[in-house]
All heavy atoms as atom14 arrays in JSON, in Angstrom:
{
  "sequence": "TQETELMWVFVHHLEQVLSREYLFEQIIGREYDGLDRAMDL",
  "atom14_mask": [
    [1, 1, 1, 1, 1, 1, 1, 0, 0, 0, 0, 0, 0, 0],
    [1, 1, 1, 1, 1, 1, 1, 1, 1, 0, 0, 0, 0, 0],
    [1, 1, 1, 1, 1, 1, 1, 1, 1, 0, 0, 0, 0, 0],
    [1, 1, 1, 1, 1, 1, 1, 0, 0, 0, 0, 0, 0, 0],
    [1, 1, 1, 1, 1, 1, 1, 1, 1, 0, 0, 0, 0, 0],
    [1, 1, 1, 1, 1, 1, 1, 1, 0, 0, 0, 0, 0, 0],
    [1, 1, 1, 1, 1, 1, 1, 1, 0, 0, 0, 0, 0, 0],
    [1, 1, 1, 1, 1, 1, 1, 1, 1, 1, 1, 1, 1, 1],
    [1, 1, 1, 1, 1, 1, 1, 0, 0, 0, 0, 0, 0, 0],
    [1, 1, 1, 1, 1, 1, 1, 1, 1, 1, 1, 0, 0, 0],
    [1, 1, 1, 1, 1, 1, 1, 0, 0, 0, 0, 0, 0, 0],
    [1, 1, 1, 1, 1, 1, 1, 1, 1, 1, 0, 0, 0, 0],
    [1, 1, 1, 1, 1, 1, 1, 1, 1, 1, 0, 0, 0, 0],
    [1, 1, 1, 1, 1, 1, 1, 1, 0, 0, 0, 0, 0, 0],
    [1, 1, 1, 1, 1, 1, 1, 1, 1, 0, 0, 0, 0, 0],
    [1, 1, 1, 1, 1, 1, 1, 1, 1, 0, 0, 0, 0, 0],
    [1, 1, 1, 1, 1, 1, 1, 0, 0, 0, 0, 0, 0, 0],
    [1, 1, 1, 1, 1, 1, 1, 1, 0, 0, 0, 0, 0, 0],
    [1, 1, 1, 1, 1, 1, 0, 0, 0, 0, 0, 0, 0, 0],
    [1, 1, 1, 1, 1, 1, 1, 1, 1, 1, 1, 0, 0, 0],
    [1, 1, 1, 1, 1, 1, 1, 1, 1, 0, 0, 0, 0, 0],
    [1, 1, 1, 1, 1, 1, 1, 1, 1, 1, 1, 1, 0, 0],
    [1, 1, 1, 1, 1, 1, 1, 1, 0, 0, 0, 0, 0, 0],
    [1, 1, 1, 1, 1, 1, 1, 1, 1, 1, 1, 0, 0, 0],
    [1, 1, 1, 1, 1, 1, 1, 1, 1, 0, 0, 0, 0, 0],
    [1, 1, 1, 1, 1, 1, 1, 1, 1, 0, 0, 0, 0, 0],
    [1, 1, 1, 1, 1, 1, 1, 1, 0, 0, 0, 0, 0, 0],
    [1, 1, 1, 1, 1, 1, 1, 1, 0, 0, 0, 0, 0, 0],
    [1, 1, 1, 1, 0, 0, 0, 0, 0, 0, 0, 0, 0, 0],
    [1, 1, 1, 1, 1, 1, 1, 1, 1, 1, 1, 0, 0, 0],
    [1, 1, 1, 1, 1, 1, 1, 1, 1, 0, 0, 0, 0, 0],
    [1, 1, 1, 1, 1, 1, 1, 1, 1, 1, 1, 1, 0, 0],
    [1, 1, 1, 1, 1, 1, 1, 1, 0, 0, 0, 0, 0, 0],
    [1, 1, 1, 1, 0, 0, 0, 0, 0, 0, 0, 0, 0, 0],
    [1, 1, 1, 1, 1, 1, 1, 1, 0, 0, 0, 0, 0, 0],
    [1, 1, 1, 1, 1, 1, 1, 1, 0, 0, 0, 0, 0, 0],
    [1, 1, 1, 1, 1, 1, 1, 1, 1, 1, 1, 0, 0, 0],
    [1, 1, 1, 1, 1, 0, 0, 0, 0, 0, 0, 0, 0, 0],
    [1, 1, 1, 1, 1, 1, 1, 1, 0, 0, 0, 0, 0, 0],
    [1, 1, 1, 1, 1, 1, 1, 1, 0, 0, 0, 0, 0, 0],
    [1, 1, 1, 1, 1, 1, 1, 1, 0, 0, 0, 0, 0, 0]
  ],
  "atom14_positions": [
    [[28.66, -20.02, -66.3], [28.53, -20.41, -67.71], [28.32, -21.91, -67.83], [27.44, -22.37, -68.57], [29.78, -19.99, -68.5], [29.93, -18.58, -68.43], [29.68, -20.42, -69.96], [0.0, 0.0, 0.0], [0.0, 0.0, 0.0], [0.0, 0.0, 0.0], [0.0, 0.0, 0.0], [0.0, 0.0, 0.0], [0.0, 0.0, 0.0], [0.0, 0.0, 0.0]],
    [[29.11, -22.69, -67.09], [28.99, -24.14, -67.15], [27.63, -24.61, -66.63], [27.01, -25.5, -67.22], [30.11, -24.78, -66.33], [31.5, -24.57, -66.89], [31.75, -25.4, -68.13], [31.39, -26.57, -68.17], [32.37, -24.82, -69.13], [0.0, 0.0, 0.0], [0.0, 0.0, 0.0], [0.0, 0.0, 0.0], [0.0, 0.0, 0.0], [0.0, 0.0, 0.0]],
    [[27.16, -24.02, -65.54], [25.86, -24.39, -64.99], [24.74, -24.05, -65.95], [23.78, -24.82, -66.1], [25.65, -23.69, -63.65], [26.55, -24.2, -62.54], [26.61, -23.27, -61.34], [26.1, -22.13, -61.42], [27.18, -23.68, -60.3], [0.0, 0.0, 0.0], [0.0, 0.0, 0.0], [0.0, 0.0, 0.0], [0.0, 0.0, 0.0], [0.0, 0.0, 0.0]],
    [[24.85, -22.9, -66.62], [23.83, -22.49, -67.58], [23.78, -23.46, -68.75], [22.69, -23.86, -69.19], [24.11, -21.06, -68.09], [24.15, -20.17, -66.99], [23.04, -20.61, -69.07], [0.0, 0.0, 0.0], [0.0, 0.0, 0.0], [0.0, 0.0, 0.0], [0.0, 0.0, 0.0], [0.0, 0.0, 0.0], [0.0, 0.0, 0.0], [0.0, 0.0, 0.0]],
    [[24.94, -23.83, -69.28], [24.99, -24.76, -70.41], [24.35, -26.1, -70.06], [23.58, -26.66, -70.85], [26.43, -24.97, -70.86], [27.05, -23.75, -71.54], [28.46, -24.02, -72.01], [29.0, -25.1, -71.7], [29.02, -23.16, -72.71], [0.0, 0.0, 0.0], [0.0, 0.0, 0.0], [0.0, 0.0, 0.0], [0.0, 0.0, 0.0], [0.0, 0.0, 0.0]],
    [[24.67, -26.61, -68.89], [24.13, -27.9, -68.48], [22.64, -27.79, -68.2], [21.84, -28.66, -68.6], [24.88, -28.39, -67.24], [24.51, -29.77, -66.7], [24.57, -30.82, -67.79], [25.44, -30.14, -65.54], [0.0, 0.0, 0.0], [0.0, 0.0, 0.0], [0.0, 0.0, 0.0], [0.0, 0.0, 0.0], [0.0, 0.0, 0.0], [0.0, 0.0, 0.0]],
    [[22.23, -26.72, -67.53], [20.82, -26.51, -67.24], [20.02, -26.36, -68.54], [18.88, -26.84, -68.64], [20.66, -25.27, -66.37], [19.3, -25.12, -65.72], [19.01, -26.38, -64.45], [17.34, -25.95, -63.95], [0.0, 0.0, 0.0], [0.0, 0.0, 0.0], [0.0, 0.0, 0.0], [0.0, 0.0, 0.0], [0.0, 0.0, 0.0], [0.0, 0.0, 0.0]],
    [[20.6, -25.71, -69.53], [19.94, -25.51, -70.82], [19.61, -26.85, -71.48], [18.54, -27.03, -72.08], [20.82, -24.65, -71.71], [20.17, -24.17, -72.97], [20.38, -24.63, -74.24], [19.19, -23.13, -73.08], [19.61, -23.94, -75.13], [18.87, -23.0, -74.46], [18.56, -22.29, -72.16], [17.94, -22.08, -74.92], [17.63, -21.36, -72.63], [17.32, -21.27, -73.99]],
    [[20.54, -27.78, -71.41], [20.29, -29.11, -71.96], [19.2, -29.81, -71.17], [18.26, -30.39, -71.73], [21.58, -29.96, -71.96], [21.28, -31.38, -72.42], [22.63, -29.33, -72.87], [0.0, 0.0, 0.0], [0.0, 0.0, 0.0], [0.0, 0.0, 0.0], [0.0, 0.0, 0.0], [0.0, 0.0, 0.0], [0.0, 0.0, 0.0], [0.0, 0.0, 0.0]],
    [[19.29, -29.75, -69.84], [18.31, -30.44, -68.99], [16.88, -29.91, -69.2], [15.94, -30.7, -69.29], [18.7, -30.3, -67.52], [19.58, -31.4, -67.01], [20.79, -31.11, -66.39], [19.21, -32.73, -67.11], [21.61, -32.11, -65.89], [20.0, -33.75, -66.63], [21.21, -33.44, -66.02], [0.0, 0.0, 0.0], [0.0, 0.0, 0.0], [0.0, 0.0, 0.0]],
    [[16.71, -28.58, -69.23], [15.34, -28.05, -69.3], [14.66, -28.4, -70.62], [13.43, -28.5, -70.69], [15.29, -26.53, -69.07], [15.77, -26.18, -67.68], [16.06, -25.75, -70.14], [0.0, 0.0, 0.0], [0.0, 0.0, 0.0], [0.0, 0.0, 0.0], [0.0, 0.0, 0.0], [0.0, 0.0, 0.0], [0.0, 0.0, 0.0], [0.0, 0.0, 0.0]],
    [[15.45, -28.6, -71.67], [14.85, -28.97, -72.94], [14.59, -30.48, -73.03], [14.09, -30.97, -74.05], [15.74, -28.52, -74.1], [15.66, -27.04, -74.35], [16.58, -26.15, -73.86], [14.72, -26.29, -74.99], [16.24, -24.92, -74.21], [15.11, -24.98, -74.88], [0.0, 0.0, 0.0], [0.0, 0.0, 0.0], [0.0, 0.0, 0.0], [0.0, 0.0, 0.0]],
    [[14.92, -31.18, -71.97], [14.58, -32.61, -71.85], [14.0, -32.85, -70.46], [14.33, -33.83, -69.8], [15.81, -33.48, -72.06], [16.44, -33.34, -73.42], [17.34, -32.34, -73.73], [16.28, -34.05, -74.56], [17.72, -32.46, -74.99], [17.09, -33.49, -75.52], [0.0, 0.0, 0.0], [0.0, 0.0, 0.0], [0.0, 0.0, 0.0], [0.0, 0.0, 0.0]],
    [[13.15, -31.92, -70.02], [12.58, -32.01, -68.68], [11.85, -33.33, -68.47], [11.1, -33.79, -69.34], [11.61, -30.84, -68.47], [11.18, -30.53, -67.03], [12.39, -30.1, -66.19], [10.12, -29.44, -67.02], [0.0, 0.0, 0.0], [0.0, 0.0, 0.0], [0.0, 0.0, 0.0], [0.0, 0.0, 0.0], [0.0, 0.0, 0.0], [0.0, 0.0, 0.0]],
    [[12.12, -33.95, -67.32], [11.52, -35.24, -66.94], [11.96, -36.39, -67.84], [11.35, -37.45, -67.85], [9.97, -35.16, -66.94], [9.4, -34.03, -66.1], [9.65, -34.21, -64.6], [10.05, -35.3, -64.18], [9.44, -33.22, -63.87], [0.0, 0.0, 0.0], [0.0, 0.0, 0.0], [0.0, 0.0, 0.0], [0.0, 0.0, 0.0], [0.0, 0.0, 0.0]],
    [[13.05, -36.19, -68.59], [13.59, -37.25, -69.44], [14.94, -37.69, -68.9], [15.74, -36.86, -68.47], [13.76, -36.78, -70.89], [12.47, -36.37, -71.58], [12.74, -35.84, -72.98], [13.68, -36.25, -73.65], [11.9, -34.92, -73.43], [0.0, 0.0, 0.0], [0.0, 0.0, 0.0], [0.0, 0.0, 0.0], [0.0, 0.0, 0.0], [0.0, 0.0, 0.0]],
    [[15.21, -38.97, -68.94], [16.5, -39.48, -68.5], [17.53, -39.26, -69.6], [17.32, -39.66, -70.75], [16.43, -40.98, -68.15], [17.81, -41.5, -67.74], [15.41, -41.23, -67.04], [0.0, 0.0, 0.0], [0.0, 0.0, 0.0], [0.0, 0.0, 0.0], [0.0, 0.0, 0.0], [0.0, 0.0, 0.0], [0.0, 0.0, 0.0], [0.0, 0.0, 0.0]],
    [[18.63, -38.58, -69.24], [19.71, -38.33, -70.18], [20.94, -39.12, -69.74], [21.34, -39.06, -68.59], [20.05, -36.83, -70.21], [18.91, -35.89, -70.59], [19.38, -34.44, -70.56], [18.34, -36.24, -71.97], [0.0, 0.0, 0.0], [0.0, 0.0, 0.0], [0.0, 0.0, 0.0], [0.0, 0.0, 0.0], [0.0, 0.0, 0.0], [0.0, 0.0, 0.0]],
    [[21.5, -39.86, -70.67], [22.65, -40.7, -70.33], [23.89, -39.86, -70.1], [24.01, -38.73, -70.6], [22.91, -41.71, -71.46], [23.39, -41.04, -72.61], [0.0, 0.0, 0.0], [0.0, 0.0, 0.0], [0.0, 0.0, 0.0], [0.0, 0.0, 0.0], [0.0, 0.0, 0.0], [0.0, 0.0, 0.0], [0.0, 0.0, 0.0], [0.0, 0.0, 0.0]],
    [[24.82, -40.4, -69.36], [26.09, -39.73, -69.14], [26.79, -39.48, -70.48], [27.4, -38.43, -70.7], [26.99, -40.58, -68.24], [28.35, -39.96, -67.97], [29.26, -40.9, -67.19], [28.85, -41.03, -65.8], [28.24, -42.1, -65.3], [27.93, -43.12, -66.1], [27.92, -42.15, -64.02], [0.0, 0.0, 0.0], [0.0, 0.0, 0.0], [0.0, 0.0, 0.0]],
    [[26.7, -40.45, -71.4], [27.35, -40.31, -72.69], [26.78, -39.13, -73.48], [27.53, -38.34, -74.07], [27.18, -41.61, -73.51], [27.91, -42.81, -72.97], [27.23, -43.46, -71.76], [26.07, -43.09, -71.46], [27.85, -44.32, -71.13], [0.0, 0.0, 0.0], [0.0, 0.0, 0.0], [0.0, 0.0, 0.0], [0.0, 0.0, 0.0], [0.0, 0.0, 0.0]],
    [[25.46, -38.99, -73.48], [24.82, -37.89, -74.2], [25.23, -36.54, -73.59], [25.59, -35.61, -74.32], [23.31, -38.05, -74.15], [22.56, -36.88, -74.78], [22.44, -36.78, -76.16], [22.0, -35.89, -73.99], [21.77, -35.7, -76.74], [21.33, -34.81, -74.55], [21.22, -34.73, -75.93], [20.57, -33.65, -76.49], [0.0, 0.0, 0.0], [0.0, 0.0, 0.0]],
    [[25.15, -36.45, -72.29], [25.5, -35.19, -71.61], [26.96, -34.84, -71.83], [27.31, -33.68, -72.04], [25.19, -35.3, -70.12], [23.7, -35.33, -69.76], [23.51, -35.75, -68.31], [23.06, -33.96, -70.0], [0.0, 0.0, 0.0], [0.0, 0.0, 0.0], [0.0, 0.0, 0.0], [0.0, 0.0, 0.0], [0.0, 0.0, 0.0], [0.0, 0.0, 0.0]],
    [[27.82, -35.84, -71.8], [29.25, -35.62, -71.98], [29.5, -35.01, -73.37], [30.25, -34.04, -73.51], [30.0, -36.95, -71.84], [31.49, -36.79, -71.68], [32.06, -36.77, -70.42], [32.32, -36.68, -72.78], [33.43, -36.62, -70.26], [33.69, -36.53, -72.64], [34.25, -36.52, -71.37], [0.0, 0.0, 0.0], [0.0, 0.0, 0.0], [0.0, 0.0, 0.0]],
    [[28.88, -35.58, -74.39], [29.08, -35.07, -75.75], [28.51, -33.67, -75.91], [29.09, -32.83, -76.6], [28.44, -36.03, -76.76], [29.17, -37.36, -76.87], [28.55, -38.29, -77.89], [27.64, -37.85, -78.61], [28.97, -39.46, -77.97], [0.0, 0.0, 0.0], [0.0, 0.0, 0.0], [0.0, 0.0, 0.0], [0.0, 0.0, 0.0], [0.0, 0.0, 0.0]],
    [[27.37, -33.39, -75.27], [26.74, -32.08, -75.38], [27.55, -31.0, -74.67], [27.7, -29.88, -75.17], [25.33, -32.12, -74.78], [24.33, -32.93, -75.58], [24.0, -32.31, -76.92], [23.7, -31.13, -77.0], [24.05, -33.1, -77.96], [0.0, 0.0, 0.0], [0.0, 0.0, 0.0], [0.0, 0.0, 0.0], [0.0, 0.0, 0.0], [0.0, 0.0, 0.0]],
    [[28.09, -31.31, -73.49], [28.74, -30.3, -72.65], [30.25, -30.27, -72.84], [30.85, -29.21, -72.98], [28.39, -30.53, -71.16], [26.87, -30.5, -70.96], [29.08, -29.49, -70.3], [26.22, -29.19, -71.39], [0.0, 0.0, 0.0], [0.0, 0.0, 0.0], [0.0, 0.0, 0.0], [0.0, 0.0, 0.0], [0.0, 0.0, 0.0], [0.0, 0.0, 0.0]],
    [[30.9, -31.43, -72.84], [32.35, -31.5, -72.97], [32.77, -31.37, -74.43], [33.79, -30.78, -74.75], [32.91, -32.8, -72.36], [32.45, -32.95, -70.9], [34.44, -32.81, -72.43], [32.92, -31.85, -69.99], [0.0, 0.0, 0.0], [0.0, 0.0, 0.0], [0.0, 0.0, 0.0], [0.0, 0.0, 0.0], [0.0, 0.0, 0.0], [0.0, 0.0, 0.0]],
    [[31.96, -31.93, -75.32], [32.22, -31.77, -76.74], [33.0, -32.88, -77.39], [33.51, -32.73, -78.49], [0.0, 0.0, 0.0], [0.0, 0.0, 0.0], [0.0, 0.0, 0.0], [0.0, 0.0, 0.0], [0.0, 0.0, 0.0], [0.0, 0.0, 0.0], [0.0, 0.0, 0.0], [0.0, 0.0, 0.0], [0.0, 0.0, 0.0], [0.0, 0.0, 0.0]],
    [[33.14, -34.01, -76.72], [33.79, -35.16, -77.32], [33.14, -36.43, -76.79], [32.38, -36.4, -75.83], [35.3, -35.15, -77.03], [35.66, -35.02, -75.56], [37.17, -34.84, -75.38], [37.53, -34.43, -74.04], [37.71, -35.24, -73.01], [37.54, -36.55, -73.18], [38.04, -34.78, -71.81], [0.0, 0.0, 0.0], [0.0, 0.0, 0.0], [0.0, 0.0, 0.0]],
    [[33.45, -37.55, -77.44], [32.84, -38.81, -77.03], [33.33, -39.23, -75.64], [34.47, -39.0, -75.27], [33.17, -39.91, -78.04], [32.47, -39.73, -79.38], [32.68, -40.92, -80.29], [33.31, -41.91, -79.84], [32.21, -40.88, -81.44], [0.0, 0.0, 0.0], [0.0, 0.0, 0.0], [0.0, 0.0, 0.0], [0.0, 0.0, 0.0], [0.0, 0.0, 0.0]],
    [[32.42, -39.84, -74.89], [32.74, -40.31, -73.55], [33.62, -41.54, -73.65], [33.34, -42.47, -74.41], [31.45, -40.64, -72.81], [31.65, -41.12, -71.4], [32.33, -40.36, -70.46], [31.15, -42.36, -70.99], [32.52, -40.8, -69.17], [31.32, -42.8, -69.69], [32.01, -42.02, -68.78], [32.18, -42.46, -67.5], [0.0, 0.0, 0.0], [0.0, 0.0, 0.0]],
    [[34.73, -41.56, -72.88], [35.68, -42.67, -72.96], [35.43, -43.74, -71.91], [36.19, -44.71, -71.81], [37.11, -42.16, -72.85], [37.39, -41.45, -71.52], [36.52, -41.49, -70.63], [38.49, -40.86, -71.38], [0.0, 0.0, 0.0], [0.0, 0.0, 0.0], [0.0, 0.0, 0.0], [0.0, 0.0, 0.0], [0.0, 0.0, 0.0], [0.0, 0.0, 0.0]],
    [[34.39, -43.56, -71.11], [34.07, -44.55, -70.08], [34.78, -44.33, -68.77], [34.47, -45.01, -67.78], [0.0, 0.0, 0.0], [0.0, 0.0, 0.0], [0.0, 0.0, 0.0], [0.0, 0.0, 0.0], [0.0, 0.0, 0.0], [0.0, 0.0, 0.0], [0.0, 0.0, 0.0], [0.0, 0.0, 0.0], [0.0, 0.0, 0.0], [0.0, 0.0, 0.0]],
    [[35.73, -43.39, -68.72], [36.52, -43.18, -67.51], [36.44, -41.75, -66.99], [36.52, -41.53, -65.78], [38.0, -43.52, -67.79], [38.3, -44.96, -68.23], [39.76, -45.09, -68.63], [37.96, -45.94, -67.13], [0.0, 0.0, 0.0], [0.0, 0.0, 0.0], [0.0, 0.0, 0.0], [0.0, 0.0, 0.0], [0.0, 0.0, 0.0], [0.0, 0.0, 0.0]],
    [[36.31, -40.79, -67.86], [36.36, -39.37, -67.48], [35.2, -39.03, -66.54], [34.04, -39.29, -66.84], [36.27, -38.52, -68.75], [36.81, -37.11, -68.52], [36.43, -36.52, -67.49], [37.55, -36.62, -69.37], [0.0, 0.0, 0.0], [0.0, 0.0, 0.0], [0.0, 0.0, 0.0], [0.0, 0.0, 0.0], [0.0, 0.0, 0.0], [0.0, 0.0, 0.0]],
    [[35.53, -38.39, -65.42], [34.51, -38.04, -64.42], [34.0, -36.6, -64.56], [33.24, -36.13, -63.73], [35.09, -38.22, -63.01], [35.45, -39.66, -62.66], [35.83, -39.74, -61.2], [34.76, -39.28, -60.33], [34.93, -38.95, -59.05], [36.14, -38.99, -58.53], [33.92, -38.55, -58.32], [0.0, 0.0, 0.0], [0.0, 0.0, 0.0], [0.0, 0.0, 0.0]],
    [[34.42, -35.93, -65.61], [34.08, -34.52, -65.75], [32.58, -34.28, -65.69], [32.11, -33.34, -65.04], [34.65, -33.97, -67.06], [0.0, 0.0, 0.0], [0.0, 0.0, 0.0], [0.0, 0.0, 0.0], [0.0, 0.0, 0.0], [0.0, 0.0, 0.0], [0.0, 0.0, 0.0], [0.0, 0.0, 0.0], [0.0, 0.0, 0.0], [0.0, 0.0, 0.0]],
    [[31.81, -35.12, -66.39], [30.37, -34.89, -66.44], [29.72, -35.1, -65.08], [28.86, -34.32, -64.65], [29.73, -35.83, -67.47], [28.36, -35.38, -67.94], [28.5, -33.82, -68.84], [27.86, -32.66, -67.67], [0.0, 0.0, 0.0], [0.0, 0.0, 0.0], [0.0, 0.0, 0.0], [0.0, 0.0, 0.0], [0.0, 0.0, 0.0], [0.0, 0.0, 0.0]],
    [[30.12, -36.14, -64.39], [29.56, -36.41, -63.06], [29.83, -35.24, -62.11], [28.97, -34.86, -61.31], [30.16, -37.69, -62.46], [29.78, -38.93, -63.26], [28.64, -38.98, -63.74], [30.62, -39.82, -63.4], [0.0, 0.0, 0.0], [0.0, 0.0, 0.0], [0.0, 0.0, 0.0], [0.0, 0.0, 0.0], [0.0, 0.0, 0.0], [0.0, 0.0, 0.0]],
    [[31.02, -34.66, -62.2], [31.38, -33.55, -61.32], [30.56, -32.31, -61.64], [30.13, -31.59, -60.73], [32.87, -33.25, -61.46], [33.81, -34.36, -60.96], [35.24, -34.1, -61.41], [33.74, -34.48, -59.44], [0.0, 0.0, 0.0], [0.0, 0.0, 0.0], [0.0, 0.0, 0.0], [0.0, 0.0, 0.0], [0.0, 0.0, 0.0], [0.0, 0.0, 0.0]]
  ]
}
C-alpha cells in the first residue's frame, strides 16, 4: 500500500523533481519538520 501511494505520486510527476517536503506532505500527511526521516526511508 505504501509503495503504491508513493509510486502514484511519482508517476503523475514523471521526470519531475519532487522535494522531500512535498512528498512528505503527500504521503505522511503533515508538514515536514526538517528532521523526520520517514520519507527518505
